[in-house]
């Protein structure tokens, strides 16, 4: 059997296992998501950012280019969320009833996930071209990441369903009153 098919199947199984863990830990979902977010922020703050700042010394208007890139990325993500995401919290008391003609948040999310998975495959292919050891190391990283993708995706879906149920309950109670 082709190695690529085996590795892809293992990645899909890892994503499924992450989703199943989220379903099993529904009552402790806040702890799982808190751990996940804390690990990610710790990795970025204590490992990735110092390494990036150390690797480049280029400046733009006497400001490190890395800082400019981080701020530009944050602003781009913020603008995209304002454009594509919900513009009002679900539990807001200032809600107004109207329907948007289009809701592109789900489509953009699916496209982004598909693009990222494609780039994972490219990285894996390039890594195996360099050496088998590097290929397997990148595969393990992708496998762990796939597990967390399943965990986070199912956790967010569970939270969205809970919010919708609460909204429906509140709406029904308001109609009865």
N, C-alpha and C. Protein backbone atom coordinates (compact mmCIF):
# COMPACT_ATOMS: atom_id res chain seq x y z
N UNK A 1 0.85 -1.18 0.00
CA UNK A 1 0.00 0.00 0.00
C UNK A 1 0.90 1.24 0.00
N UNK A 2 0.43 2.28 -0.64
CA UNK A 2 1.19 3.51 -0.76
C UNK A 2 1.33 4.18 0.61
N UNK A 3 2.54 4.66 0.92
CA UNK A 3 2.81 5.30 2.21
C UNK A 3 1.95 6.54 2.42
N UNK A 4 1.70 7.30 1.35
CA UNK A 4 0.90 8.52 1.47
C UNK A 4 -0.52 8.20 1.93
N UNK A 5 -1.09 7.12 1.42
CA UNK A 5 -2.46 6.73 1.81
C UNK A 5 -2.49 6.31 3.27
N UNK A 6 -1.49 5.57 3.70
CA UNK A 6 -1.43 5.14 5.10
C UNK A 6 -1.31 6.35 6.03
N UNK A 7 -0.42 7.27 5.69
CA UNK A 7 -0.23 8.46 6.54
C UNK A 7 -1.49 9.33 6.56
N UNK A 8 -2.16 9.46 5.42
CA UNK A 8 -3.40 10.24 5.38
C UNK A 8 -4.48 9.58 6.23
N UNK A 9 -4.56 8.25 6.18
CA UNK A 9 -5.55 7.54 6.99
C UNK A 9 -5.26 7.72 8.48
N UNK A 10 -3.99 7.65 8.86
CA UNK A 10 -3.63 7.86 10.27
C UNK A 10 -3.95 9.27 10.72
N UNK A 11 -3.76 10.24 9.84
CA UNK A 11 -4.10 11.62 10.18
C UNK A 11 -5.61 11.78 10.37
N UNK A 12 -6.39 11.15 9.50
CA UNK A 12 -7.84 11.20 9.65
C UNK A 12 -8.28 10.53 10.95
N UNK A 13 -7.64 9.43 11.31
CA UNK A 13 -7.96 8.76 12.57
C UNK A 13 -7.61 9.63 13.77
N UNK A 14 -6.49 10.35 13.68
CA UNK A 14 -6.10 11.25 14.78
C UNK A 14 -7.12 12.37 14.94
N UNK A 15 -7.61 12.92 13.83
CA UNK A 15 -8.64 13.96 13.89
C UNK A 15 -9.91 13.41 14.52
N UNK A 16 -10.29 12.20 14.12
CA UNK A 16 -11.47 11.56 14.68
C UNK A 16 -11.31 11.31 16.17
N UNK A 17 -10.14 10.86 16.58
CA UNK A 17 -9.88 10.61 18.01
C UNK A 17 -9.99 11.90 18.81
N UNK A 18 -9.50 13.01 18.27
CA UNK A 18 -9.65 14.29 18.96
C UNK A 18 -11.10 14.68 19.11
N UNK A 19 -11.89 14.48 18.05
CA UNK A 19 -13.31 14.78 18.13
C UNK A 19 -14.04 13.90 19.12
N UNK A 20 -13.69 12.61 19.16
CA UNK A 20 -14.31 11.70 20.12
C UNK A 20 -13.97 12.08 21.56
N UNK A 21 -12.73 12.52 21.78
CA UNK A 21 -12.35 12.98 23.12
C UNK A 21 -13.19 14.18 23.53
N UNK A 22 -13.43 15.09 22.60
CA UNK A 22 -14.26 16.25 22.91
C UNK A 22 -15.67 15.83 23.26
N UNK A 23 -16.20 14.83 22.57
CA UNK A 23 -17.54 14.35 22.89
C UNK A 23 -17.59 13.68 24.25
N UNK A 24 -16.54 12.95 24.60
CA UNK A 24 -16.50 12.28 25.91
C UNK A 24 -16.32 13.26 27.05
N UNK A 25 -15.64 14.37 26.80
CA UNK A 25 -15.31 15.33 27.86
C UNK A 25 -16.23 16.55 27.81
N UNK A 26 -17.48 16.36 27.41
CA UNK A 26 -18.39 17.49 27.28
C UNK A 26 -18.54 18.27 28.57
N UNK A 27 -18.60 17.58 29.70
CA UNK A 27 -18.78 18.27 30.96
C UNK A 27 -17.51 18.96 31.44
N UNK A 28 -16.38 18.62 30.87
CA UNK A 28 -15.11 19.25 31.22
C UNK A 28 -14.53 20.00 30.02
N UNK A 29 -15.40 20.43 29.14
CA UNK A 29 -14.97 21.07 27.90
C UNK A 29 -14.17 22.34 28.15
N UNK A 30 -14.59 23.12 29.13
CA UNK A 30 -13.87 24.35 29.43
C UNK A 30 -12.44 24.07 29.87
N UNK A 31 -12.22 22.97 30.57
CA UNK A 31 -10.86 22.62 30.98
C UNK A 31 -10.00 22.19 29.78
N UNK A 32 -10.60 21.41 28.90
CA UNK A 32 -9.87 20.95 27.73
C UNK A 32 -9.50 22.11 26.83
N UNK A 33 -10.45 23.01 26.58
CA UNK A 33 -10.17 24.17 25.74
C UNK A 33 -9.18 25.12 26.40
N UNK A 34 -9.29 25.28 27.72
CA UNK A 34 -8.33 26.12 28.44
C UNK A 34 -6.92 25.57 28.35
N UNK A 35 -6.78 24.26 28.51
CA UNK A 35 -5.47 23.63 28.38
C UNK A 35 -4.92 23.82 26.97
N UNK A 36 -5.77 23.60 25.99
CA UNK A 36 -5.36 23.73 24.59
C UNK A 36 -4.90 25.15 24.29
N UNK A 37 -5.67 26.14 24.71
CA UNK A 37 -5.30 27.54 24.46
C UNK A 37 -4.04 27.91 25.22
N UNK A 38 -3.92 27.46 26.46
CA UNK A 38 -2.73 27.77 27.25
C UNK A 38 -1.46 27.17 26.65
N UNK A 39 -1.55 25.94 26.18
CA UNK A 39 -0.38 25.32 25.55
C UNK A 39 0.02 26.06 24.28
N UNK A 40 -0.97 26.44 23.49
CA UNK A 40 -0.68 27.16 22.26
C UNK A 40 -0.05 28.52 22.54
N UNK A 41 -0.61 29.28 23.47
CA UNK A 41 -0.05 30.58 23.80
C UNK A 41 1.34 30.46 24.42
N UNK A 42 1.54 29.45 25.26
CA UNK A 42 2.86 29.23 25.83
C UNK A 42 3.90 28.90 24.77
N UNK A 43 3.52 28.05 23.83
CA UNK A 43 4.43 27.70 22.74
C UNK A 43 4.81 28.93 21.94
N UNK A 44 3.83 29.75 21.61
CA UNK A 44 4.09 30.94 20.81
C UNK A 44 4.96 31.93 21.59
N UNK A 45 4.58 32.20 22.84
CA UNK A 45 5.27 33.23 23.61
C UNK A 45 6.68 32.83 24.03
N UNK A 46 6.88 31.58 24.38
CA UNK A 46 8.17 31.19 24.96
C UNK A 46 9.08 30.43 24.02
N UNK A 47 8.58 30.02 22.86
CA UNK A 47 9.42 29.28 21.92
C UNK A 47 9.49 29.94 20.56
N UNK A 48 8.34 30.16 19.94
CA UNK A 48 8.34 30.63 18.56
C UNK A 48 8.74 32.09 18.42
N UNK A 49 8.13 32.98 19.19
CA UNK A 49 8.45 34.40 19.05
C UNK A 49 9.91 34.73 19.36
N UNK A 50 10.49 34.22 20.45
CA UNK A 50 11.92 34.52 20.67
C UNK A 50 12.80 34.01 19.53
N UNK A 51 12.46 32.85 18.99
CA UNK A 51 13.26 32.31 17.88
C UNK A 51 13.14 33.17 16.63
N UNK A 52 11.94 33.65 16.34
CA UNK A 52 11.74 34.50 15.17
C UNK A 52 12.44 35.84 15.33
N UNK A 53 12.35 36.44 16.51
CA UNK A 53 13.03 37.71 16.73
C UNK A 53 14.55 37.55 16.66
N UNK A 54 15.04 36.40 17.10
CA UNK A 54 16.48 36.15 17.06
C UNK A 54 16.96 35.87 15.64
N UNK A 55 16.11 35.27 14.82
CA UNK A 55 16.50 34.85 13.47
C UNK A 55 16.62 36.02 12.49
N UNK A 56 15.89 37.08 12.71
CA UNK A 56 15.94 38.21 11.78
C UNK A 56 16.21 39.51 12.52
N UNK A 57 17.00 40.34 11.89
CA UNK A 57 17.30 41.65 12.48
C UNK A 57 16.90 42.78 11.55
N UNK A 58 16.12 42.46 10.52
CA UNK A 58 15.66 43.49 9.59
C UNK A 58 14.71 44.45 10.29
N UNK A 59 14.77 45.71 9.85
CA UNK A 59 13.90 46.73 10.45
C UNK A 59 13.17 47.49 9.36
N UNK A 60 12.02 48.00 9.72
CA UNK A 60 11.22 48.86 8.86
C UNK A 60 10.88 50.09 9.68
N UNK A 61 11.44 51.22 9.31
CA UNK A 61 11.26 52.47 10.06
C UNK A 61 11.69 52.30 11.52
N UNK A 62 12.83 51.68 11.72
CA UNK A 62 13.44 51.44 13.04
C UNK A 62 12.60 50.53 13.93
N UNK A 63 11.74 49.72 13.33
CA UNK A 63 10.92 48.75 14.05
C UNK A 63 11.22 47.38 13.45
N UNK A 64 11.44 46.36 14.30
CA UNK A 64 11.70 45.03 13.74
C UNK A 64 10.57 44.59 12.80
N UNK A 65 10.96 44.04 11.65
CA UNK A 65 9.98 43.60 10.64
C UNK A 65 9.05 42.55 11.23
N UNK A 66 9.56 41.74 12.15
CA UNK A 66 8.72 40.71 12.77
C UNK A 66 7.56 41.36 13.52
N UNK A 67 7.83 42.45 14.22
CA UNK A 67 6.77 43.15 14.95
C UNK A 67 5.72 43.70 13.99
N UNK A 68 6.18 44.27 12.89
CA UNK A 68 5.26 44.82 11.89
C UNK A 68 4.40 43.70 11.31
N UNK A 69 5.02 42.55 11.02
CA UNK A 69 4.28 41.42 10.46
C UNK A 69 3.25 40.90 11.45
N UNK A 70 3.58 40.82 12.72
CA UNK A 70 2.64 40.34 13.73
C UNK A 70 1.44 41.28 13.83
N UNK A 71 1.71 42.56 13.88
CA UNK A 71 0.62 43.54 13.98
C UNK A 71 -0.24 43.52 12.72
N UNK A 72 0.40 43.45 11.55
CA UNK A 72 -0.36 43.42 10.30
C UNK A 72 -1.22 42.16 10.22
N UNK A 73 -0.68 41.03 10.65
CA UNK A 73 -1.47 39.79 10.66
C UNK A 73 -2.65 39.86 11.60
N UNK A 74 -2.43 40.43 12.78
CA UNK A 74 -3.51 40.59 13.74
C UNK A 74 -4.61 41.48 13.18
N UNK A 75 -4.21 42.61 12.59
CA UNK A 75 -5.20 43.52 12.03
C UNK A 75 -5.96 42.88 10.85
N UNK A 76 -5.25 42.14 10.02
CA UNK A 76 -5.91 41.46 8.89
C UNK A 76 -6.92 40.45 9.40
N UNK A 77 -6.56 39.68 10.42
CA UNK A 77 -7.49 38.71 10.99
C UNK A 77 -8.69 39.41 11.62
N UNK A 78 -8.45 40.51 12.32
CA UNK A 78 -9.53 41.27 12.95
C UNK A 78 -10.50 41.80 11.89
N UNK A 79 -9.97 42.36 10.83
CA UNK A 79 -10.82 42.89 9.75
C UNK A 79 -11.62 41.76 9.10
N UNK A 80 -10.96 40.63 8.86
CA UNK A 80 -11.65 39.48 8.27
C UNK A 80 -12.77 38.98 9.18
N UNK A 81 -12.52 38.92 10.48
CA UNK A 81 -13.56 38.49 11.41
C UNK A 81 -14.73 39.47 11.44
N UNK A 82 -14.44 40.76 11.36
CA UNK A 82 -15.52 41.74 11.34
C UNK A 82 -16.36 41.61 10.08
N UNK A 83 -15.70 41.25 8.99
CA UNK A 83 -16.39 41.11 7.71
C UNK A 83 -17.18 39.81 7.63
N UNK A 84 -16.57 38.71 8.07
CA UNK A 84 -17.15 37.39 7.85
C UNK A 84 -17.84 36.82 9.08
N UNK A 85 -17.43 37.20 10.25
CA UNK A 85 -17.95 36.58 11.46
C UNK A 85 -19.19 37.29 11.97
N UNK A 86 -19.74 36.76 13.05
CA UNK A 86 -20.90 37.42 13.64
C UNK A 86 -20.49 38.77 14.21
N UNK A 87 -21.36 39.74 14.10
CA UNK A 87 -21.01 41.07 14.55
C UNK A 87 -21.61 41.42 15.90
N UNK A 88 -22.22 40.45 16.52
CA UNK A 88 -22.81 40.70 17.83
C UNK A 88 -22.75 39.43 18.65
N UNK A 89 -22.37 39.53 19.92
CA UNK A 89 -22.32 38.31 20.75
C UNK A 89 -23.69 37.67 20.84
N UNK A 90 -23.69 36.35 20.94
CA UNK A 90 -24.94 35.59 20.98
C UNK A 90 -25.75 35.91 22.23
N UNK A 91 -25.08 36.29 23.32
CA UNK A 91 -25.80 36.54 24.56
C UNK A 91 -26.04 38.03 24.80
N UNK A 92 -25.98 38.82 23.76
CA UNK A 92 -26.16 40.26 23.89
C UNK A 92 -27.62 40.61 24.17
N UNK A 93 -27.83 41.60 25.02
CA UNK A 93 -29.17 42.10 25.29
C UNK A 93 -29.61 43.11 24.24
N UNK A 94 -28.71 43.49 23.35
CA UNK A 94 -29.00 44.53 22.37
C UNK A 94 -29.22 43.94 20.99
N UNK A 95 -29.68 42.71 20.97
CA UNK A 95 -29.86 42.01 19.70
C UNK A 95 -30.96 42.65 18.86
N UNK A 96 -30.83 42.46 17.60
CA UNK A 96 -31.86 42.91 16.69
C UNK A 96 -32.13 41.79 15.70
N UNK A 97 -33.38 41.65 15.34
CA UNK A 97 -33.76 40.55 14.47
C UNK A 97 -33.64 40.96 13.01
N UNK A 98 -32.76 40.30 12.33
CA UNK A 98 -32.65 40.44 10.89
C UNK A 98 -31.81 39.28 10.36
N UNK A 99 -31.98 39.01 9.11
CA UNK A 99 -31.22 37.94 8.48
C UNK A 99 -30.26 38.54 7.46
N UNK A 100 -29.05 38.01 7.46
CA UNK A 100 -28.10 38.43 6.44
C UNK A 100 -28.34 37.61 5.19
N UNK A 101 -28.15 38.25 4.04
CA UNK A 101 -28.35 37.55 2.78
C UNK A 101 -27.33 36.42 2.62
N UNK A 102 -26.13 36.64 3.12
CA UNK A 102 -25.10 35.62 3.01
C UNK A 102 -24.40 35.47 4.35
N UNK A 103 -23.98 34.28 4.63
CA UNK A 103 -23.18 34.01 5.81
C UNK A 103 -21.96 33.25 5.32
N UNK A 104 -20.83 33.95 5.22
CA UNK A 104 -19.66 33.35 4.61
C UNK A 104 -18.65 32.83 5.62
N UNK A 105 -18.97 32.94 6.91
CA UNK A 105 -18.00 32.50 7.93
C UNK A 105 -17.70 31.00 7.79
N UNK A 106 -18.72 30.20 7.61
CA UNK A 106 -18.51 28.76 7.47
C UNK A 106 -17.74 28.41 6.21
N UNK A 107 -18.06 29.09 5.12
CA UNK A 107 -17.36 28.85 3.87
C UNK A 107 -15.90 29.24 3.97
N UNK A 108 -15.64 30.40 4.55
CA UNK A 108 -14.25 30.82 4.72
C UNK A 108 -13.49 29.87 5.64
N UNK A 109 -14.15 29.41 6.69
CA UNK A 109 -13.50 28.45 7.59
C UNK A 109 -13.15 27.15 6.89
N UNK A 110 -14.08 26.65 6.09
CA UNK A 110 -13.82 25.41 5.35
C UNK A 110 -12.70 25.60 4.33
N UNK A 111 -12.71 26.73 3.63
CA UNK A 111 -11.64 27.00 2.67
C UNK A 111 -10.29 27.13 3.36
N UNK A 112 -10.27 27.80 4.50
CA UNK A 112 -9.02 27.96 5.24
C UNK A 112 -8.50 26.60 5.73
N UNK A 113 -9.40 25.77 6.25
CA UNK A 113 -9.00 24.45 6.73
C UNK A 113 -8.49 23.59 5.57
N UNK A 114 -9.18 23.65 4.45
CA UNK A 114 -8.74 22.89 3.27
C UNK A 114 -7.38 23.35 2.78
N UNK A 115 -7.17 24.66 2.74
CA UNK A 115 -5.87 25.19 2.33
C UNK A 115 -4.76 24.80 3.28
N UNK A 116 -5.06 24.83 4.57
CA UNK A 116 -4.04 24.47 5.56
C UNK A 116 -3.69 22.99 5.47
N UNK A 117 -4.69 22.14 5.28
CA UNK A 117 -4.43 20.71 5.14
C UNK A 117 -3.61 20.44 3.87
N UNK A 118 -3.91 21.17 2.80
CA UNK A 118 -3.12 21.04 1.58
C UNK A 118 -1.65 21.40 1.85
N UNK A 119 -1.43 22.50 2.58
CA UNK A 119 -0.06 22.90 2.90
C UNK A 119 0.63 21.89 3.83
N UNK A 120 -0.15 21.24 4.70
CA UNK A 120 0.42 20.15 5.50
C UNK A 120 0.94 19.05 4.60
N UNK A 121 0.17 18.71 3.58
CA UNK A 121 0.60 17.68 2.64
C UNK A 121 1.84 18.10 1.87
N UNK A 122 1.91 19.35 1.47
CA UNK A 122 3.10 19.85 0.77
C UNK A 122 4.32 19.76 1.69
N UNK A 123 4.15 20.20 2.94
CA UNK A 123 5.26 20.15 3.90
C UNK A 123 5.72 18.71 4.12
N UNK A 124 4.78 17.81 4.19
CA UNK A 124 5.12 16.40 4.40
C UNK A 124 5.87 15.84 3.20
N UNK A 125 5.40 16.18 2.00
CA UNK A 125 6.08 15.71 0.80
C UNK A 125 7.49 16.25 0.68
N UNK A 126 7.66 17.54 0.97
CA UNK A 126 9.00 18.15 0.92
C UNK A 126 9.90 17.53 1.98
N UNK A 127 9.35 17.30 3.16
CA UNK A 127 10.16 16.72 4.24
C UNK A 127 10.65 15.32 3.86
N UNK A 128 9.80 14.52 3.25
CA UNK A 128 10.23 13.19 2.82
C UNK A 128 11.24 13.26 1.67
N UNK A 129 11.19 14.32 0.88
CA UNK A 129 12.19 14.50 -0.18
C UNK A 129 13.56 14.78 0.42
N UNK A 130 13.59 15.46 1.58
CA UNK A 130 14.87 15.76 2.24
C UNK A 130 15.43 14.49 2.86
N UNK A 131 14.62 13.84 3.71
CA UNK A 131 15.05 12.58 4.32
C UNK A 131 13.84 11.89 4.94
N UNK A 132 13.94 10.59 5.10
CA UNK A 132 12.85 9.85 5.73
C UNK A 132 12.68 10.25 7.19
N UNK A 133 13.78 10.49 7.88
CA UNK A 133 13.71 10.88 9.30
C UNK A 133 12.95 12.20 9.46
N UNK A 134 13.26 13.17 8.60
CA UNK A 134 12.56 14.46 8.67
C UNK A 134 11.09 14.27 8.29
N UNK A 135 10.82 13.44 7.31
CA UNK A 135 9.44 13.18 6.90
C UNK A 135 8.61 12.61 8.03
N UNK A 136 9.17 11.64 8.76
CA UNK A 136 8.43 11.05 9.88
C UNK A 136 8.28 12.05 11.03
N UNK A 137 9.27 12.91 11.24
CA UNK A 137 9.16 13.93 12.29
C UNK A 137 8.04 14.92 11.95
N UNK A 138 7.98 15.35 10.69
CA UNK A 138 6.91 16.26 10.27
C UNK A 138 5.56 15.55 10.36
N UNK A 139 5.52 14.27 10.01
CA UNK A 139 4.28 13.51 10.11
C UNK A 139 3.78 13.46 11.55
N UNK A 140 4.66 13.25 12.50
CA UNK A 140 4.24 13.21 13.91
C UNK A 140 3.68 14.57 14.32
N UNK A 141 4.32 15.66 13.87
CA UNK A 141 3.81 16.99 14.18
C UNK A 141 2.43 17.19 13.58
N UNK A 142 2.23 16.76 12.34
CA UNK A 142 0.93 16.88 11.68
C UNK A 142 -0.10 16.01 12.39
N UNK A 143 0.30 14.84 12.84
CA UNK A 143 -0.60 13.93 13.54
C UNK A 143 -1.11 14.55 14.84
N UNK A 144 -0.21 15.12 15.62
CA UNK A 144 -0.60 15.77 16.88
C UNK A 144 -1.51 16.97 16.59
N UNK A 145 -1.16 17.71 15.54
CA UNK A 145 -1.97 18.86 15.19
C UNK A 145 -3.36 18.43 14.72
N UNK A 146 -3.44 17.33 13.98
CA UNK A 146 -4.73 16.82 13.52
C UNK A 146 -5.60 16.41 14.71
N UNK A 147 -5.00 15.82 15.73
CA UNK A 147 -5.75 15.46 16.94
C UNK A 147 -6.35 16.72 17.57
N UNK A 148 -5.54 17.77 17.69
CA UNK A 148 -6.05 19.00 18.30
C UNK A 148 -7.09 19.67 17.40
N UNK A 149 -6.96 19.53 16.08
CA UNK A 149 -7.99 20.06 15.17
C UNK A 149 -9.33 19.39 15.43
N UNK A 150 -9.33 18.08 15.56
CA UNK A 150 -10.57 17.37 15.85
C UNK A 150 -11.16 17.78 17.18
N UNK A 151 -10.31 17.90 18.17
CA UNK A 151 -10.75 18.31 19.51
C UNK A 151 -11.37 19.70 19.47
N UNK A 152 -10.68 20.65 18.84
CA UNK A 152 -11.18 22.02 18.81
C UNK A 152 -12.42 22.17 17.96
N UNK A 153 -12.46 21.51 16.82
CA UNK A 153 -13.62 21.64 15.93
C UNK A 153 -14.88 21.09 16.60
N UNK A 154 -14.80 19.91 17.17
CA UNK A 154 -15.97 19.33 17.83
C UNK A 154 -16.35 20.14 19.07
N UNK A 155 -15.36 20.62 19.81
CA UNK A 155 -15.65 21.45 20.99
C UNK A 155 -16.40 22.71 20.60
N UNK A 156 -15.97 23.36 19.53
CA UNK A 156 -16.66 24.56 19.08
C UNK A 156 -18.07 24.25 18.59
N UNK A 157 -18.22 23.12 17.91
CA UNK A 157 -19.57 22.75 17.47
C UNK A 157 -20.48 22.48 18.66
N UNK A 158 -19.95 21.82 19.69
CA UNK A 158 -20.74 21.57 20.89
C UNK A 158 -21.14 22.89 21.54
N UNK A 159 -20.20 23.81 21.63
CA UNK A 159 -20.50 25.11 22.24
C UNK A 159 -21.55 25.87 21.41
N UNK A 160 -21.45 25.80 20.08
CA UNK A 160 -22.43 26.48 19.23
C UNK A 160 -23.81 25.89 19.42
N UNK A 161 -23.91 24.58 19.52
CA UNK A 161 -25.20 23.93 19.74
C UNK A 161 -25.77 24.35 21.09
N UNK A 162 -24.93 24.41 22.11
CA UNK A 162 -25.41 24.83 23.43
C UNK A 162 -25.93 26.26 23.39
N UNK A 163 -25.20 27.15 22.71
CA UNK A 163 -25.65 28.54 22.59
C UNK A 163 -26.98 28.62 21.86
N UNK A 164 -27.13 27.85 20.78
CA UNK A 164 -28.40 27.85 20.05
C UNK A 164 -29.55 27.32 20.90
N UNK A 165 -29.28 26.28 21.69
CA UNK A 165 -30.32 25.75 22.58
C UNK A 165 -30.74 26.78 23.62
N UNK A 166 -29.77 27.49 24.17
CA UNK A 166 -30.08 28.53 25.16
C UNK A 166 -30.89 29.64 24.51
N UNK A 167 -30.49 30.05 23.30
CA UNK A 167 -31.23 31.10 22.60
C UNK A 167 -32.67 30.67 22.32
N UNK A 168 -32.85 29.44 21.89
CA UNK A 168 -34.20 28.94 21.62
C UNK A 168 -35.04 28.90 22.89
N UNK A 169 -34.44 28.47 23.98
CA UNK A 169 -35.15 28.41 25.26
C UNK A 169 -35.57 29.80 25.71
N UNK A 170 -34.65 30.75 25.62
CA UNK A 170 -34.95 32.13 26.02
C UNK A 170 -36.04 32.71 25.13
N UNK A 171 -35.94 32.43 23.83
CA UNK A 171 -36.94 32.93 22.88
C UNK A 171 -38.32 32.35 23.18
N UNK A 172 -38.39 31.06 23.49
CA UNK A 172 -39.65 30.41 23.80
C UNK A 172 -40.23 30.95 25.10
N UNK A 173 -39.39 31.22 26.10
CA UNK A 173 -39.86 31.76 27.36
C UNK A 173 -40.38 33.17 27.17
N UNK A 174 -39.72 33.94 26.29
CA UNK A 174 -40.18 35.31 26.04
C UNK A 174 -41.54 35.30 25.35
N UNK A 175 -41.79 34.33 24.47
CA UNK A 175 -43.07 34.25 23.77
C UNK A 175 -44.19 33.85 24.72
N UNK A 176 -43.89 33.01 25.71
CA UNK A 176 -44.87 32.57 26.67
C UNK A 176 -45.24 33.68 27.63
N UNK A 177 -44.27 34.51 27.97
CA UNK A 177 -44.52 35.60 28.94
C UNK A 177 -45.31 36.70 28.37
